[in-house]
C-alpha cells in the first residue's frame, strides 16, 4: 500500500535514503582511537600544513587542533579501509554530542566540526549534513556523515600509513551506553567495579582464545572475481577485515542489551560467513530460529502459534508475510507502538524497498495483537533490550563451555560459528543453555 507524497516529501525521502544514512554504513566518531607511528605523524603534519592556521595561534590551541585533527583522520582512515559505503557519524550541533567521551580524551566537538569544513574545502573529505526525523514518513533523525576522499588516502599512502598502525585505544571489554529512553517503571540495575571486572574477564578469556586461533576468510574464486570486477567498475571500492576482539555492549543498565560486538565476522556480508575457516577447518553456523518471539511466549508460559507471522484471513504472499514479520519484531523491540511503526516503515523501505503507511501498519498491528494475545501486553514496551540481555547470557554460557574444551567460537548474536567437527557439541550446548535460561525447547536451524 502506497501513499501520495508531495515533491518536498519525495525529496526528503530521497535525501534520507542516501547510502551514508543506511543502518550499518556509519560508526560514530571514536574518541579513544590512537596511533603513535611516525608515519601517522607525517600525515598529520602534511594535512596541518594545508589548513589555514594563523602563525600567531597559541601553542595550547595549536596542540588541541592537532589532537582533534589526528583523531578525525584516524577515524576517517579506519572507515575508508572498510569500503566506500562506510562513513563517520558526527554531531554538528552541540546539544547532540556526548561531552563526557570528548572530555575524557581532551577533544572538542566544535573544533572537529570546523576541521571537517576546512578539509572539505580542500577536497580531503566529503560530508553529508544530517536531518531531523519525520514521524509521519517513518524516518528517524540522522547525524551528519563525513568520509575520506581518495585525495586524503593518497597522503596516507605516500607516508606509508598502514591499518595495523591504528589502535583501538583503551576500549573496554564491557561498554555501558546511555539509554535513549530510560525505563521509568523500574530502577536501573547497576554493578560494582568488581562485578564489571568479572564480566570483562570473561570477554578477555574468549578474546585470548580467538587470538591463539587462526581465523580466516577464504573467499572462493568466483567471489574474488566479483569483487575485482567491482573494483574495476568503482574506483572507490575497498574491502578489508577490521576488528578481531569482542566486547559486550549494555544499554542503560546491566540487564538490557549485553550482546557481543566488535569482531569482523559481524560486519562482513552474511553470505561470506560460510567461507570462514577456523584453524584451517571449514565452519558451520547453527542459529536459533524465531528467538525473540519464542522467548516472549516462554516468559508468559504460553506456546507460540505455528504460523508466527501469518493468521487466518491475512493477506497471502511472501511480501505481505515479510511486512508482518518486520512489524512483529519491531513491536517487540520498540518502546512505543508509534516507534514500532516508524521502525518498521524505515526497515521495509531501506532494506526491502517496500513502502507502507502508518495507518496500514496500525491495522496490521491490531490483527497481530489478536493473533498473539498472550504477549500483546509486551508490544511497544521496549522488551527487546531485555530479550537481548537474555540471549547474550545464553551466548556467554555457550562460549564459556566451548572455551573450557579449547574450542574457539565466533558469536553472531543468535548464531555461532565453529569448526564443522564441533557442530554436534555446539548444538547440544545451544539446546541446554536455551532451556536453562528460557525454560522451553529452542528451534535450532
Protein backbone atom coordinates (compact mmCIF):
# COMPACT_ATOMS: atom_id res chain seq x y z
CA UNK A 1 0.00 0.00 0.00
CA UNK A 2 1.47 3.32 -1.07
CA UNK A 3 0.64 6.91 -0.29
CA UNK A 4 0.59 10.09 -2.36
CA UNK A 5 3.56 12.26 -1.48
CA UNK A 6 4.39 15.87 -2.22
CA UNK A 7 7.51 16.75 -4.15
CA UNK A 8 9.07 18.09 -0.95
CA UNK A 9 8.36 14.81 0.86
CA UNK A 10 9.79 12.81 -2.04
CA UNK A 11 12.94 14.92 -1.95
CA UNK A 12 13.21 14.40 1.81
CA UNK A 13 12.82 10.62 1.45
CA UNK A 14 15.45 10.58 -1.31
CA UNK A 15 17.85 12.57 0.86
CA UNK A 16 17.27 10.28 3.87
CA UNK A 17 17.77 7.20 1.67
CA UNK A 18 21.38 8.10 0.83
CA UNK A 19 23.80 5.25 1.41
CA UNK A 20 25.57 7.08 4.22
CA UNK A 21 22.36 7.16 6.31
CA UNK A 22 21.55 3.46 6.00
CA UNK A 23 21.89 1.37 9.14
CA UNK A 24 25.32 -0.20 9.46
CA UNK A 25 27.01 2.14 7.00
CA UNK A 26 28.46 4.50 9.58
CA UNK A 27 30.01 4.50 13.01
CA UNK A 28 30.14 7.44 15.40
CA UNK A 29 33.49 9.18 15.75
CA UNK A 30 35.56 7.14 18.22
CA UNK A 31 37.44 9.43 20.62
CA UNK A 32 39.71 6.68 22.01
CA UNK A 33 41.32 5.78 18.66
CA UNK A 34 45.08 6.37 18.54
CA UNK A 35 48.25 5.72 16.54
CA UNK A 36 51.81 6.54 17.61
CA UNK A 37 53.69 5.52 14.45
CA UNK A 38 55.90 8.24 12.89
CA UNK A 39 54.21 7.62 9.54
CA UNK A 40 50.92 8.83 11.00
CA UNK A 41 52.69 11.86 12.45
CA UNK A 42 53.99 12.72 8.98
CA UNK A 43 50.46 12.53 7.58
CA UNK A 44 49.11 14.85 10.28
CA UNK A 45 51.94 17.33 9.63
CA UNK A 46 51.22 17.47 5.89
CA UNK A 47 47.49 17.90 6.36
CA UNK A 48 48.12 20.53 9.03
CA UNK A 49 50.29 22.49 6.62
CA UNK A 50 47.36 22.67 4.18
CA UNK A 51 44.99 24.14 6.76
CA UNK A 52 44.65 27.86 7.25
CA UNK A 53 46.15 28.19 10.74
CA UNK A 54 47.37 31.51 11.99
CA UNK A 55 51.08 31.51 12.90
CA UNK A 56 50.11 33.54 15.97
CA UNK A 57 47.95 30.74 17.35
CA UNK A 58 48.85 29.99 20.94
CA UNK A 59 50.71 26.67 21.47
CA UNK A 60 47.91 25.29 23.66
CA UNK A 61 45.30 25.88 20.93
CA UNK A 62 47.63 24.53 18.27
CA UNK A 63 48.18 21.32 20.24
CA UNK A 64 44.43 20.97 20.72
CA UNK A 65 43.89 21.41 16.98
CA UNK A 66 46.50 18.75 16.21
CA UNK A 67 44.94 16.35 18.72
CA UNK A 68 41.47 16.74 17.20
CA UNK A 69 42.80 16.50 13.65
CA UNK A 70 44.63 13.27 14.43
CA UNK A 71 41.54 11.69 15.96
CA UNK A 72 39.43 12.72 12.96
CA UNK A 73 41.89 11.45 10.34
CA UNK A 74 42.34 8.10 12.11
CA UNK A 75 38.57 7.61 12.23
CA UNK A 76 38.27 8.52 8.54
CA UNK A 77 41.12 6.16 7.62
CA UNK A 78 39.63 3.25 9.57
CA UNK A 79 36.26 3.65 7.86
CA UNK A 80 37.87 4.23 4.43
CA UNK A 81 39.57 0.85 4.65
CA UNK A 82 36.24 -0.85 5.26
CA UNK A 83 34.73 0.27 1.97
CA UNK A 84 33.11 3.12 0.05
CA UNK A 85 29.84 2.64 1.92
CA UNK A 86 31.43 3.38 5.31
CA UNK A 87 31.16 6.83 6.91
CA UNK A 88 31.91 8.53 10.21
CA UNK A 89 28.91 9.98 12.01
CA UNK A 90 29.27 13.23 13.94
CA UNK A 91 27.01 15.84 15.51
CA UNK A 92 27.24 19.38 14.19
CA UNK A 93 25.01 20.68 16.98
CA UNK A 94 26.43 20.95 20.48
CA UNK A 95 23.32 19.57 22.22
CA UNK A 96 23.53 16.33 20.22
CA UNK A 97 27.06 15.42 21.32
CA UNK A 98 28.30 13.27 24.17
CA UNK A 99 30.59 15.67 26.05
CA UNK A 100 31.84 13.08 28.55
CA UNK A 101 33.50 10.96 25.86
CA UNK A 102 35.07 14.02 24.24
CA UNK A 103 36.25 15.49 27.53
CA UNK A 104 37.93 12.24 28.55
CA UNK A 105 40.22 12.41 25.53
CA UNK A 106 40.55 16.23 25.52
CA UNK A 107 38.66 16.62 22.26
CA UNK A 108 36.31 19.36 21.13
CA UNK A 109 33.23 18.80 19.02
CA UNK A 110 33.37 22.42 17.81
CA UNK A 111 36.98 22.05 16.66
CA UNK A 112 36.21 18.78 14.86
CA UNK A 113 33.26 20.36 13.02
CA UNK A 114 35.49 23.28 11.96
CA UNK A 115 38.18 20.86 10.78
CA UNK A 116 35.68 18.87 8.74
CA UNK A 117 34.53 22.05 6.98
CA UNK A 118 38.13 23.04 6.26
CA UNK A 119 39.06 19.58 5.00
CA UNK A 120 36.00 19.61 2.76
CA UNK A 121 37.16 22.85 1.15
CA UNK A 122 40.48 21.12 0.45
CA UNK A 123 38.61 18.15 -1.11
CA UNK A 124 40.14 15.83 1.51
CA UNK A 125 36.73 14.76 2.81
CA UNK A 126 33.12 14.75 1.67
CA UNK A 127 30.32 15.35 4.14
CA UNK A 128 26.55 14.98 4.15
CA UNK A 129 24.59 17.15 6.56
CA UNK A 130 22.26 15.26 8.90
CA UNK A 131 18.49 15.57 9.04
CA UNK A 132 15.70 15.83 11.52
CA UNK A 133 13.34 12.90 11.82
CA UNK A 134 9.86 12.85 10.34
CA UNK A 135 7.45 10.59 12.22
CA UNK A 136 4.81 10.91 9.55
CA UNK A 137 7.15 9.38 6.98
CA UNK A 138 8.66 6.92 9.44
CA UNK A 139 12.15 8.43 9.11
CA UNK A 140 14.38 8.80 12.15
CA UNK A 141 16.75 11.72 12.53
CA UNK A 142 20.34 11.17 11.42
CA UNK A 143 23.61 12.78 12.43
CA UNK A 144 25.84 14.30 9.78
CA UNK A 145 28.29 11.99 8.00
CA UNK A 146 31.84 12.51 6.77
CA UNK A 147 34.09 10.31 4.63
CA UNK A 148 37.68 10.48 3.44
CA UNK A 149 38.33 11.07 -0.26
CA UNK A 150 40.99 9.37 -2.34
CA UNK A 151 42.96 12.60 -2.09
CA UNK A 152 43.30 12.18 1.68
CA UNK A 153 44.05 8.49 1.28
CA UNK A 154 46.85 9.31 -1.16
CA UNK A 155 48.54 11.37 1.58
CA UNK A 156 48.25 8.42 3.96
CA UNK A 157 49.65 6.06 1.34
CA UNK A 158 52.50 8.42 0.45
CA UNK A 159 53.79 8.37 4.02
CA UNK A 160 53.41 4.60 4.38
CA UNK A 161 50.46 4.63 6.77
CA UNK A 162 49.02 1.19 7.42
CA UNK A 163 45.85 -0.12 9.04
CA UNK A 164 47.93 -2.06 11.59
CA UNK A 165 49.19 1.26 12.96
CA UNK A 166 45.71 2.19 14.16
CA UNK A 167 44.93 1.05 17.68
CA UNK A 168 41.52 0.91 19.26
CA UNK A 169 42.97 2.57 22.31
CA UNK A 170 41.74 1.54 25.71
CA UNK A 171 38.40 0.23 24.51
CA UNK A 172 36.94 -1.72 27.42
CA UNK A 173 35.56 -5.22 27.15
CA UNK A 174 32.34 -4.02 28.80
CA UNK A 175 30.62 -0.89 27.48
CA UNK A 176 27.59 0.70 29.15
CA UNK A 177 25.74 3.08 26.85
CA UNK A 178 23.25 5.67 27.98
CA UNK A 179 19.65 4.60 27.48
CA UNK A 180 17.87 6.54 24.73
CA UNK A 181 14.60 6.19 26.63
CA UNK A 182 15.19 5.05 30.24
CA UNK A 183 12.62 2.66 31.66
CA UNK A 184 10.93 4.70 34.41
CA UNK A 185 8.95 1.70 35.63
CA UNK A 186 11.95 0.06 37.28
CA UNK A 187 15.27 1.33 38.69
CA UNK A 188 18.40 0.62 36.59
CA UNK A 189 20.44 -2.44 37.55
CA UNK A 190 24.00 -1.24 38.03
CA UNK A 191 27.08 -3.22 39.03
CA UNK A 192 30.09 -2.55 41.20
CA UNK A 193 33.52 -2.20 39.62
CA UNK A 194 34.37 -5.71 40.83
CA UNK A 195 31.26 -7.17 39.18
CA UNK A 196 32.01 -5.37 35.90
CA UNK A 197 35.57 -6.73 36.04
CA UNK A 198 34.18 -10.27 36.32
CA UNK A 199 32.20 -9.70 33.10
CA UNK A 200 35.27 -8.19 31.43
CA UNK A 201 37.43 -11.17 32.42
CA UNK A 202 35.04 -13.49 30.57
CA UNK A 203 35.30 -11.38 27.41
CA UNK A 204 39.11 -11.30 27.68
CA UNK A 205 39.17 -15.08 28.03
CA UNK A 206 37.18 -15.54 24.82
CA UNK A 207 39.31 -12.93 23.02
CA UNK A 208 42.53 -14.59 24.15
CA UNK A 209 41.34 -17.95 22.79
CA UNK A 210 40.45 -16.34 19.46
CA UNK A 211 43.86 -14.59 19.37
CA UNK A 212 45.56 -18.00 19.65
CA UNK A 213 43.40 -19.37 16.83
CA UNK A 214 43.75 -18.95 13.08
CA UNK A 215 40.59 -17.35 11.75
CA UNK A 216 40.48 -16.75 8.01
CA UNK A 217 38.03 -15.73 5.35
CA UNK A 218 38.74 -17.86 2.29
CA UNK A 219 36.59 -16.47 -0.47
CA UNK A 220 36.19 -18.79 -3.47
CA UNK A 221 37.50 -17.64 -6.83
CA UNK A 222 34.13 -16.54 -8.21
CA UNK A 223 33.58 -14.23 -5.22
CA UNK A 224 37.09 -12.82 -5.57
CA UNK A 225 36.48 -12.20 -9.27
CA UNK A 226 33.20 -10.45 -8.48
CA UNK A 227 35.00 -8.20 -6.00
CA UNK A 228 37.71 -7.49 -8.57
CA UNK A 229 35.06 -6.56 -11.12
CA UNK A 230 33.53 -4.13 -8.62
CA UNK A 231 36.96 -2.55 -8.15
CA UNK A 232 37.26 -2.01 -11.90
CA UNK A 233 33.78 -0.52 -12.13
CA UNK A 234 34.06 1.55 -8.97
CA UNK A 235 37.47 3.07 -8.11
CA UNK A 236 36.20 3.76 -4.57
CA UNK A 237 35.52 0.08 -3.84
CA UNK A 238 37.56 -1.24 -0.91
CA UNK A 239 37.09 -4.28 1.26
CA UNK A 240 39.03 -5.40 4.31
CA UNK A 241 38.61 -7.14 7.65
CA UNK A 242 38.64 -4.93 10.72
CA UNK A 243 38.20 -5.92 14.36
CA UNK A 244 39.44 -9.16 15.93
CA UNK A 245 38.28 -8.68 19.53
CA UNK A 246 34.83 -8.74 21.06
CA UNK A 247 33.22 -6.51 23.65
CA UNK A 248 29.79 -6.62 25.28
CA UNK A 249 27.59 -3.54 24.96
CA UNK A 250 24.85 -2.88 27.51
CA UNK A 251 22.14 -0.22 27.22
CA UNK A 252 21.17 1.90 30.19
CA UNK A 253 21.98 -0.72 32.80
CA UNK A 254 23.29 -4.27 33.05
CA UNK A 255 20.05 -6.11 32.34
CA UNK A 256 19.40 -4.51 28.94
CA UNK A 257 21.45 -5.46 25.88
CA UNK A 258 24.79 -7.07 26.59
CA UNK A 259 25.31 -8.60 23.16
CA UNK A 260 28.75 -9.41 21.77
CA UNK A 261 30.11 -6.94 19.19
CA UNK A 262 33.43 -5.95 17.63
CA UNK A 263 34.65 -8.87 15.52
CA UNK A 264 34.80 -8.53 11.75
CA UNK A 265 32.55 -11.58 11.29
CA UNK A 266 29.59 -9.38 12.28
CA UNK A 267 30.32 -6.72 9.66
CA UNK A 268 31.01 -8.80 6.55
CA UNK A 269 28.13 -9.74 4.23
CA UNK A 270 26.21 -12.61 5.81
CA UNK A 271 26.74 -14.77 2.74
CA UNK A 272 30.50 -14.53 3.24
CA UNK A 273 30.43 -16.11 6.72
CA UNK A 274 30.15 -19.63 5.30
CA UNK A 275 33.66 -19.12 3.89
CA UNK A 276 35.23 -18.58 7.33
CA UNK A 277 37.84 -21.15 8.33
CA UNK A 278 38.97 -21.73 11.93
CA UNK A 279 42.36 -23.34 12.42
CA UNK A 280 42.32 -24.48 8.81
CA UNK A 281 38.92 -26.17 9.02
CA UNK A 282 35.63 -25.22 7.35
CA UNK A 283 32.91 -23.97 9.68
CA UNK A 284 29.18 -24.26 10.32
CA UNK A 285 26.80 -21.63 11.75
CA UNK A 286 23.74 -23.03 13.57
CA UNK A 287 21.35 -20.36 14.80
CA UNK A 288 18.27 -20.02 16.99
CA UNK A 289 15.11 -19.60 14.96
CA UNK A 290 12.34 -17.10 15.88
CA UNK A 291 14.33 -16.40 19.04
CA UNK A 292 12.78 -13.25 20.47
CA UNK A 293 9.11 -14.09 19.76
CA UNK A 294 9.67 -17.58 21.19
CA UNK A 295 11.33 -16.14 24.29
CA UNK A 296 8.46 -13.70 24.77
CA UNK A 297 5.97 -16.57 24.70
CA UNK A 298 8.09 -18.55 27.15
CA UNK A 299 8.04 -15.56 29.54
CA UNK A 300 4.25 -15.82 29.81
CA UNK A 301 4.33 -19.65 29.80
CA UNK A 302 2.36 -19.92 26.56
CA UNK A 303 3.02 -21.78 23.34
CA UNK A 304 3.77 -19.77 20.23
CA UNK A 305 1.48 -20.43 17.26
CA UNK A 306 2.89 -22.41 14.35
CA UNK A 307 2.17 -19.54 11.99
CA UNK A 308 4.09 -16.84 13.79
CA UNK A 309 3.73 -14.24 11.04
CA UNK A 310 0.50 -15.47 9.45
CA UNK A 311 -3.02 -15.87 10.78
CA UNK A 312 -6.47 -16.76 9.39
CA UNK A 313 -7.62 -14.16 6.92
CA UNK A 314 -4.25 -12.45 6.47
CA UNK A 315 -3.10 -11.37 3.04
CA UNK A 316 -1.22 -14.10 1.16
CA UNK A 317 2.22 -13.82 -0.42
CA UNK A 318 5.83 -13.51 0.64
CA UNK A 319 5.75 -9.71 0.53
CA UNK A 320 2.89 -9.41 2.99
CA UNK A 321 4.41 -12.05 5.27
CA UNK A 322 7.68 -10.09 5.31
CA UNK A 323 5.80 -6.93 6.33
CA UNK A 324 4.14 -8.78 9.22
CA UNK A 325 7.46 -10.32 10.29
CA UNK A 326 9.25 -6.97 10.38
CA UNK A 327 6.34 -5.33 12.19
CA UNK A 328 6.11 -8.07 14.83
CA UNK A 329 9.79 -7.81 15.67
CA UNK A 330 9.56 -4.00 15.80
CA UNK A 331 6.57 -4.24 18.13
CA UNK A 332 8.60 -6.44 20.48
CA UNK A 333 11.64 -4.14 20.40
CA UNK A 334 10.23 -0.61 20.33
CA UNK A 335 9.32 1.43 23.41
CA UNK A 336 6.01 2.61 21.94
CA UNK A 337 3.68 1.40 19.18
CA UNK A 338 4.37 4.61 17.24
CA UNK A 339 8.11 3.93 17.39
CA UNK A 340 7.43 0.39 16.17
CA UNK A 341 5.51 1.69 13.15
CA UNK A 342 8.27 4.16 12.32
CA UNK A 343 10.96 1.50 12.71
CA UNK A 344 9.03 -0.96 10.53
CA UNK A 345 8.47 1.68 7.83
CA UNK A 346 12.16 2.52 7.76
CA UNK A 347 13.30 -1.10 7.71
CA UNK A 348 10.90 -2.09 4.95
CA UNK A 349 11.78 0.95 2.86
CA UNK A 350 15.57 0.84 3.28
CA UNK A 351 16.20 -2.90 3.25
CA UNK A 352 13.38 -4.26 1.10
CA UNK A 353 12.18 -1.29 -1.00
CA UNK A 354 8.65 -1.76 0.37
CA UNK A 355 6.64 1.41 1.07
CA UNK A 356 3.73 1.29 3.51
CA UNK A 357 1.82 3.82 5.58
CA UNK A 358 1.37 4.10 9.34
CA UNK A 359 -2.43 3.50 9.12
CA UNK A 360 -1.71 0.30 7.20
CA UNK A 361 0.81 -0.87 9.81
CA UNK A 362 -1.55 0.09 12.64
CA UNK A 363 -4.24 -2.08 11.05
CA UNK A 364 -1.79 -5.00 10.78
CA UNK A 365 -0.66 -4.43 14.38
CA UNK A 366 -4.26 -4.73 15.55
CA UNK A 367 -4.53 -8.14 13.85
CA UNK A 368 -1.14 -9.21 15.22
CA UNK A 369 -2.21 -8.27 18.75
CA UNK A 370 -5.24 -10.51 18.38
CA UNK A 371 -3.15 -13.35 16.90
CA UNK A 372 -0.51 -13.00 19.62
CA UNK A 373 -2.86 -12.26 22.51
CA UNK A 374 -0.62 -13.91 25.17
CA UNK A 375 2.24 -11.47 24.51
CA UNK A 376 0.38 -8.40 23.23
CA UNK A 377 0.98 -6.54 26.50
CA UNK A 378 4.69 -6.54 25.62
CA UNK A 379 4.16 -4.87 22.25
CA UNK A 380 5.69 -1.40 22.31
CA UNK A 381 7.07 -1.94 25.80
CA UNK A 382 10.79 -1.96 25.00
CA UNK A 383 11.02 -5.68 25.75
CA UNK A 384 13.63 -6.14 23.03
CA UNK A 385 16.63 -4.99 25.09
CA UNK A 386 15.62 -7.35 27.90
CA UNK A 387 15.41 -10.20 25.41
CA UNK A 388 18.81 -9.18 24.05
CA UNK A 389 20.19 -9.48 27.58
CA UNK A 390 18.72 -12.96 27.86
CA UNK A 391 20.14 -14.10 24.52
CA UNK A 392 23.52 -12.55 25.41
CA UNK A 393 23.56 -14.60 28.61
CA UNK A 394 22.85 -17.73 26.59
CA UNK A 395 25.65 -16.83 24.18
CA UNK A 396 28.10 -16.19 27.03
CA UNK A 397 27.35 -19.55 28.65
CA UNK A 398 27.85 -21.34 25.32
CA UNK A 399 31.14 -19.55 24.67
CA UNK A 400 32.48 -20.41 28.13
CA UNK A 401 31.64 -24.11 27.81
CA UNK A 402 33.30 -24.24 24.40
CA UNK A 403 36.33 -22.37 25.77
CA UNK A 404 36.63 -24.96 28.56
CA UNK A 405 37.05 -27.52 25.79
CA UNK A 406 39.52 -25.30 23.91
CA UNK A 407 37.07 -24.71 21.05
CA UNK A 408 37.10 -21.20 19.53
CA UNK A 409 33.69 -19.86 18.56
CA UNK A 410 32.53 -16.66 16.84
CA UNK A 411 29.15 -15.47 18.16
CA UNK A 412 26.88 -13.55 15.78
CA UNK A 413 24.09 -12.64 18.23
CA UNK A 414 21.75 -15.64 17.82
CA UNK A 415 24.10 -17.80 15.75
CA UNK A 416 27.52 -19.34 16.40
CA UNK A 417 30.39 -20.17 14.05
CA UNK A 418 32.60 -23.16 14.93
CA UNK A 419 34.73 -25.66 13.04
CA UNK A 420 32.41 -28.25 11.46
CA UNK A 421 33.79 -31.08 13.60
CA UNK A 422 32.35 -29.37 16.71
CA UNK A 423 28.83 -28.88 15.36
CA UNK A 424 27.21 -31.60 17.47
CA UNK A 425 28.75 -30.27 20.68
CA UNK A 426 27.67 -26.72 19.81
CA UNK A 427 24.08 -27.76 19.07
CA UNK A 428 23.90 -29.67 22.36
CA UNK A 429 25.12 -26.60 24.26
CA UNK A 430 22.68 -24.32 22.43
CA UNK A 431 19.82 -26.64 23.38
CA UNK A 432 20.98 -26.97 27.03
CA UNK A 433 21.60 -23.29 27.75
CA UNK A 434 18.46 -22.10 25.97
CA UNK A 435 16.35 -24.49 28.05
CA UNK A 436 18.24 -23.41 31.18
CA UNK A 437 17.66 -19.68 30.56
CA UNK A 438 14.24 -19.73 28.91
CA UNK A 439 12.61 -22.88 30.26
CA UNK A 440 11.47 -24.12 26.85
CA UNK A 441 12.87 -26.04 23.89
CA UNK A 442 14.64 -23.95 21.24
CA UNK A 443 14.33 -24.01 17.48
CA UNK A 444 17.86 -24.55 16.11
CA UNK A 445 18.33 -24.10 12.37
